[in-house]
């Protein structure tokens, strides 16, 4: 990928309409969600079993954020080096289409309880929802599951800071970077909530997202990594564009996840560029030889 994976831009009014649809069930055109201005900039904080890696990651992530007007939240975890980085990771954002991973996880979790396989219709909806970010498919599954089952999954997953919209708009689910990281950890490692078969199915679909939607956290990923991604984008009357990206990177020696959520972006492309700058810093540092390594 290049420095900035540009999407072919239709007129801005068309993009805004598509983005509003991507958020979910009849998202209100005008709504007030927080301040219309970006928050006071904060610094990403990283910790690691390799202190020099933590220091370099913190420096490079914060450098990537310089000059951005976006309000950005980050949460990442690399199991190989026990490295974590966070930035404003408990701030709430409209989910836009990132909630589709939660919808799929809930569907599989619920099916597990009944010890049943997904129906062909459910598989078709799930595939369209994740690989193409299809909104009609998402709405069908959202209505089928209902708030009680989705909240049941959120509770089981420990995603205690995620809140469904009171009027049922799935794209206005309130999410945090830390909660999305909890979800990515469940998807990438064995746990009592999602079976290994369920996890494999989620990883399969997020690994088959269409090329035009593989921007964001995959930018700069090593060529030997298996890349799994789900993005979300939405423009509203306040806080500009919400542009989010969830990424999991597996295979070989790779075992890390990255969540970047943002709002107050002037355009969708600005949001993509912001996320990709952060992602490149993360991939470069996590895949650099350890200090003192022999060439």
Protein backbone atom coordinates (compact mmCIF):
# COMPACT_ATOMS: atom_id res chain seq x y z
CA UNK A 1 0.00 0.00 0.00
CA UNK A 2 1.11 3.56 -0.52
CA UNK A 3 1.52 6.19 2.13
CA UNK A 4 -2.20 6.86 1.90
CA UNK A 5 -4.67 4.35 0.49
CA UNK A 6 -6.97 6.77 -1.33
CA UNK A 7 -10.49 5.81 -2.11
CA UNK A 8 -11.91 7.08 -5.39
CA UNK A 9 -13.81 10.11 -4.23
CA UNK A 10 -17.31 10.80 -5.49
CA UNK A 11 -18.75 14.23 -4.73
CA UNK A 12 -18.58 14.99 -1.02
CA UNK A 13 -22.37 15.02 -0.68
CA UNK A 14 -22.48 11.47 -2.08
CA UNK A 15 -19.79 10.31 0.31
CA UNK A 16 -21.64 11.85 3.22
CA UNK A 17 -24.80 10.03 2.26
CA UNK A 18 -23.00 6.71 1.91
CA UNK A 19 -21.25 7.24 5.22
CA UNK A 20 -24.50 7.97 6.99
CA UNK A 21 -25.90 4.74 5.59
CA UNK A 22 -22.80 2.86 6.72
CA UNK A 23 -23.55 3.82 10.30
CA UNK A 24 -26.69 1.78 10.56
CA UNK A 25 -30.42 1.82 10.87
CA UNK A 26 -31.62 5.26 9.77
CA UNK A 27 -28.92 7.26 11.56
CA UNK A 28 -30.31 10.72 12.39
CA UNK A 29 -28.97 13.42 10.09
CA UNK A 30 -28.35 15.84 12.91
CA UNK A 31 -27.25 14.82 16.36
CA UNK A 32 -25.01 16.21 19.03
CA UNK A 33 -22.37 13.83 20.30
CA UNK A 34 -19.84 15.64 22.43
CA UNK A 35 -17.92 18.73 21.49
CA UNK A 36 -17.57 19.85 17.91
CA UNK A 37 -13.87 20.46 18.55
CA UNK A 38 -11.00 18.06 18.98
CA UNK A 39 -9.93 17.28 22.51
CA UNK A 40 -6.71 18.60 24.01
CA UNK A 41 -3.94 16.44 22.52
CA UNK A 42 -2.66 13.65 24.74
CA UNK A 43 0.32 11.37 24.34
CA UNK A 44 0.26 7.66 23.62
CA UNK A 45 1.82 5.62 26.42
CA UNK A 46 3.48 2.28 25.69
CA UNK A 47 4.84 -0.43 27.97
CA UNK A 48 6.80 -3.52 26.96
CA UNK A 49 9.08 -6.29 28.12
CA UNK A 50 11.53 -4.45 25.84
CA UNK A 51 11.69 -0.92 27.31
CA UNK A 52 13.51 0.46 24.26
CA UNK A 53 10.65 -0.74 22.06
CA UNK A 54 8.09 0.96 24.28
CA UNK A 55 10.02 4.23 24.16
CA UNK A 56 10.43 4.14 20.37
CA UNK A 57 6.78 3.19 19.79
CA UNK A 58 5.56 6.02 22.00
CA UNK A 59 7.81 8.48 20.19
CA UNK A 60 6.83 7.38 16.70
CA UNK A 61 3.08 7.14 17.38
CA UNK A 62 3.06 10.60 18.90
CA UNK A 63 5.09 11.90 15.96
CA UNK A 64 2.51 10.41 13.56
CA UNK A 65 -0.23 12.26 15.43
CA UNK A 66 1.48 15.65 15.17
CA UNK A 67 -0.50 18.11 13.11
CA UNK A 68 -3.70 16.06 13.11
CA UNK A 69 -6.88 17.86 14.16
CA UNK A 70 -8.60 14.55 14.87
CA UNK A 71 -9.59 13.24 18.27
CA UNK A 72 -7.89 9.86 18.26
CA UNK A 73 -7.99 6.84 20.56
CA UNK A 74 -5.56 3.93 20.33
CA UNK A 75 -5.27 0.55 21.98
CA UNK A 76 -2.85 -2.14 20.84
CA UNK A 77 -1.31 -5.31 22.20
CA UNK A 78 1.59 -7.38 20.93
CA UNK A 79 1.75 -10.70 22.74
CA UNK A 80 5.21 -11.60 21.43
CA UNK A 81 6.91 -8.73 23.29
CA UNK A 82 4.12 -8.10 25.82
CA UNK A 83 3.80 -4.59 24.45
CA UNK A 84 0.75 -2.38 24.94
CA UNK A 85 0.04 1.16 23.84
CA UNK A 86 -2.95 3.28 24.75
CA UNK A 87 -4.18 6.77 24.00
CA UNK A 88 -7.51 8.02 25.33
CA UNK A 89 -8.63 4.41 25.07
CA UNK A 90 -11.76 4.78 27.24
CA UNK A 91 -13.22 7.65 25.18
CA UNK A 92 -16.56 6.82 23.54
CA UNK A 93 -17.09 7.03 19.78
CA UNK A 94 -19.98 6.22 17.44
CA UNK A 95 -19.11 2.73 16.22
CA UNK A 96 -20.10 3.09 12.56
CA UNK A 97 -19.40 -0.25 10.85
CA UNK A 98 -16.81 -1.53 13.31
CA UNK A 99 -19.77 -2.85 15.36
CA UNK A 100 -20.23 -5.49 12.67
CA UNK A 101 -17.51 -7.60 14.29
CA UNK A 102 -19.54 -7.51 17.51
CA UNK A 103 -22.68 -8.50 15.59
CA UNK A 104 -20.91 -11.49 14.03
CA UNK A 105 -19.40 -12.48 17.38
CA UNK A 106 -22.82 -12.32 19.03
CA UNK A 107 -24.35 -14.45 16.28
CA UNK A 108 -21.70 -17.15 16.74
CA UNK A 109 -21.80 -16.95 20.55
CA UNK A 110 -25.55 -17.38 20.50
CA UNK A 111 -25.35 -20.32 18.08
CA UNK A 112 -22.75 -21.96 20.33
CA UNK A 113 -25.20 -21.93 23.23
CA UNK A 114 -27.69 -23.93 21.15
CA UNK A 115 -24.92 -26.13 19.76
CA UNK A 116 -26.01 -25.33 16.22
CA UNK A 117 -24.35 -24.35 12.98
CA UNK A 118 -25.24 -21.12 11.23
CA UNK A 119 -27.94 -21.34 8.59
CA UNK A 120 -27.03 -20.59 4.99
CA UNK A 121 -28.92 -17.30 5.23
CA UNK A 122 -26.93 -16.34 8.34
CA UNK A 123 -23.69 -17.23 6.59
CA UNK A 124 -24.67 -15.14 3.58
CA UNK A 125 -25.54 -12.16 5.79
CA UNK A 126 -22.33 -12.55 7.81
CA UNK A 127 -20.15 -12.72 4.71
CA UNK A 128 -21.73 -9.65 3.13
CA UNK A 129 -21.64 -7.75 6.43
CA UNK A 130 -17.92 -8.27 7.06
CA UNK A 131 -16.31 -8.59 3.63
CA UNK A 132 -18.33 -5.82 1.92
CA UNK A 133 -19.64 -3.93 4.98
CA UNK A 134 -23.18 -4.51 3.72
CA UNK A 135 -25.66 -2.58 5.84
CA UNK A 136 -28.84 -4.46 4.91
CA UNK A 137 -27.21 -7.72 5.99
CA UNK A 138 -26.14 -6.11 9.25
CA UNK A 139 -29.63 -4.79 9.94
CA UNK A 140 -31.12 -8.24 9.31
CA UNK A 141 -28.76 -9.87 11.82
CA UNK A 142 -29.14 -7.01 14.32
CA UNK A 143 -32.92 -7.41 14.30
CA UNK A 144 -32.68 -11.19 14.49
CA UNK A 145 -30.42 -11.07 17.54
CA UNK A 146 -32.03 -8.19 19.41
CA UNK A 147 -30.56 -5.99 22.11
CA UNK A 148 -30.77 -8.62 24.85
CA UNK A 149 -28.54 -11.10 23.06
CA UNK A 150 -26.08 -8.42 21.96
CA UNK A 151 -25.86 -7.07 25.49
CA UNK A 152 -25.44 -10.65 26.71
CA UNK A 153 -22.42 -11.08 24.48
CA UNK A 154 -20.95 -7.72 25.54
CA UNK A 155 -21.26 -8.81 29.17
CA UNK A 156 -19.66 -12.19 28.49
CA UNK A 157 -16.84 -10.49 26.57
CA UNK A 158 -16.16 -8.00 29.37
CA UNK A 159 -16.91 -5.11 27.02
CA UNK A 160 -18.48 -3.14 29.85
CA UNK A 161 -17.95 0.31 28.31
CA UNK A 162 -19.83 -0.49 25.09
CA UNK A 163 -23.41 0.81 25.01
CA UNK A 164 -26.13 0.19 22.44
CA UNK A 165 -28.04 3.16 21.05
CA UNK A 166 -31.36 3.56 22.84
CA UNK A 167 -33.23 3.89 19.54
CA UNK A 168 -31.68 0.83 17.94
CA UNK A 169 -29.25 2.46 15.49
CA UNK A 170 -26.46 -0.10 15.33
CA UNK A 171 -24.02 2.43 13.86
CA UNK A 172 -24.43 4.65 16.93
CA UNK A 173 -23.33 1.99 19.37
CA UNK A 174 -20.90 3.71 21.74
CA UNK A 175 -17.53 1.96 21.69
CA UNK A 176 -14.08 2.48 23.19
CA UNK A 177 -10.67 1.45 21.89
CA UNK A 178 -10.06 -0.67 24.99
CA UNK A 179 -13.30 -2.59 24.52
CA UNK A 180 -12.55 -3.20 20.84
CA UNK A 181 -9.16 -4.54 21.87
CA UNK A 182 -10.88 -6.94 24.27
CA UNK A 183 -12.92 -8.18 21.33
CA UNK A 184 -9.85 -8.60 19.13
CA UNK A 185 -8.10 -10.56 21.88
CA UNK A 186 -11.09 -12.91 22.09
CA UNK A 187 -11.04 -13.37 18.32
CA UNK A 188 -7.31 -14.12 18.15
CA UNK A 189 -6.80 -16.39 21.19
CA UNK A 190 -8.60 -19.33 22.78
CA UNK A 191 -11.09 -18.31 25.46
CA UNK A 192 -14.34 -19.49 27.10
CA UNK A 193 -16.52 -16.98 25.21
CA UNK A 194 -15.88 -17.79 21.55
CA UNK A 195 -15.08 -21.34 20.46
CA UNK A 196 -12.07 -22.01 18.28
CA UNK A 197 -14.40 -22.67 15.34
CA UNK A 198 -16.18 -19.33 15.92
CA UNK A 199 -12.87 -17.49 16.14
CA UNK A 200 -11.64 -19.12 12.95
CA UNK A 201 -14.79 -18.04 11.13
CA UNK A 202 -14.39 -14.41 12.25
CA UNK A 203 -10.72 -14.42 11.25
CA UNK A 204 -11.61 -15.94 7.87
CA UNK A 205 -14.16 -13.25 7.04
CA UNK A 206 -12.05 -10.34 8.31
CA UNK A 207 -9.22 -11.74 6.21
CA UNK A 208 -11.40 -11.59 3.09
CA UNK A 209 -12.50 -7.94 3.21
CA UNK A 210 -12.67 -6.49 -0.30
CA UNK A 211 -9.56 -4.54 -1.43
CA UNK A 212 -11.23 -1.11 -1.40
CA UNK A 213 -11.93 -1.50 2.33
CA UNK A 214 -8.52 -2.82 3.41
CA UNK A 215 -7.18 0.61 4.39
CA UNK A 216 -6.30 1.77 7.89
CA UNK A 217 -4.48 -0.49 10.32
CA UNK A 218 -3.10 -2.82 7.58
CA UNK A 219 -0.97 0.03 6.17
CA UNK A 220 2.67 -0.95 6.47
CA UNK A 221 1.96 -4.49 7.70
CA UNK A 222 4.73 -7.01 6.95
CA UNK A 223 4.20 -9.07 3.81
CA UNK A 224 4.27 -12.37 5.70
CA UNK A 225 1.50 -11.41 8.14
CA UNK A 226 -2.05 -12.64 7.84
CA UNK A 227 -4.09 -9.42 7.87
CA UNK A 228 -7.59 -9.22 9.37
CA UNK A 229 -9.42 -5.88 9.28
CA UNK A 230 -12.77 -4.21 9.78
CA UNK A 231 -13.21 -0.48 9.27
CA UNK A 232 -15.95 2.02 9.96
CA UNK A 233 -16.68 5.50 8.62
CA UNK A 234 -19.44 8.01 9.22
CA UNK A 235 -19.98 11.77 8.91
CA UNK A 236 -22.38 13.50 11.30
CA UNK A 237 -23.44 17.08 12.01
CA UNK A 238 -21.02 17.33 14.93
CA UNK A 239 -17.48 15.97 15.32
CA UNK A 240 -17.00 15.63 11.56
CA UNK A 241 -16.01 12.25 10.15
CA UNK A 242 -15.69 9.23 12.40
CA UNK A 243 -13.06 6.97 10.83
CA UNK A 244 -12.08 3.76 12.65
CA UNK A 245 -9.98 0.69 11.94
CA UNK A 246 -9.66 -2.63 13.78
CA UNK A 247 -6.75 -4.86 12.78
CA UNK A 248 -5.36 -8.24 13.81
CA UNK A 249 -2.05 -9.52 12.48
CA UNK A 250 -1.26 -13.21 12.79
CA UNK A 251 0.81 -15.92 11.17
CA UNK A 252 4.52 -16.56 11.46
CA UNK A 253 5.93 -14.61 14.38
CA UNK A 254 3.12 -12.03 14.29
CA UNK A 255 0.62 -11.89 17.12
CA UNK A 256 -0.70 -8.38 17.61
CA UNK A 257 -3.87 -6.32 17.35
CA UNK A 258 -4.42 -2.61 16.74
CA UNK A 259 -7.51 -0.49 17.33
CA UNK A 260 -7.61 3.15 16.17
CA UNK A 261 -10.80 5.18 16.59
CA UNK A 262 -11.12 8.81 15.51
CA UNK A 263 -13.50 11.71 15.01
CA UNK A 264 -13.21 15.42 14.18
CA UNK A 265 -11.69 14.50 10.82
CA UNK A 266 -12.45 17.13 8.15
CA UNK A 267 -12.76 14.43 5.47
CA UNK A 268 -12.80 10.65 5.32
CA UNK A 269 -9.38 10.71 3.62
CA UNK A 270 -7.97 12.76 6.50
CA UNK A 271 -9.15 10.06 8.88
CA UNK A 272 -7.60 7.31 6.79
CA UNK A 273 -4.29 9.17 6.59
CA UNK A 274 -4.30 9.69 10.36
CA UNK A 275 -4.86 5.98 11.06
CA UNK A 276 -2.36 4.82 8.46
CA UNK A 277 0.38 7.05 9.87
CA UNK A 278 -0.14 5.45 13.27
CA UNK A 279 -0.32 1.95 11.77
CA UNK A 280 2.94 2.36 9.88
CA UNK A 281 4.72 3.42 13.05
CA UNK A 282 3.36 0.39 14.89
CA UNK A 283 4.21 -2.16 12.19
CA UNK A 284 7.69 -0.76 11.66
CA UNK A 285 8.57 -0.89 15.34
CA UNK A 286 6.99 -4.24 16.18
CA UNK A 287 8.75 -5.89 13.26
CA UNK A 288 12.16 -4.24 13.64
CA UNK A 289 15.05 -6.41 14.90
CA UNK A 290 15.52 -6.21 18.65
CA UNK A 291 18.40 -3.99 19.82
CA UNK A 292 21.61 -5.94 19.76
CA UNK A 293 20.31 -8.51 17.27
CA UNK A 294 22.92 -9.81 14.84
CA UNK A 295 22.44 -9.24 11.13
